[in-house]
Amino acid sequence: MNKKLVTPLITWLIFATLDIAFLIKSIELNQSWRMMAAVAGLLISAFFVVTATMQNRRELKPVRVKSRN
């Protein structure tokens, strides 16, 4: 596995674990605003990992630059 891909995945796993724990606690306490915050956190962390992996893929592809001459 690519080293540049591992760091965003580990970060996402940490944030997803915390958000899921936050979601479970909010369901226990029946607080809808906490539930929305937990779901928003999961979506933001998923967006982060997708963006990070797409950026890493772009960096790995060779780019041909045309000469101006």
Foldseek 3Di string as FASTA:
>chain_A
DDPQLVVLVVVLVVQLVVLVVQCVVCVVVVPVVSNVVSVVSNVVSVVSSVVSVVVVVVVPDDDDDDDPD
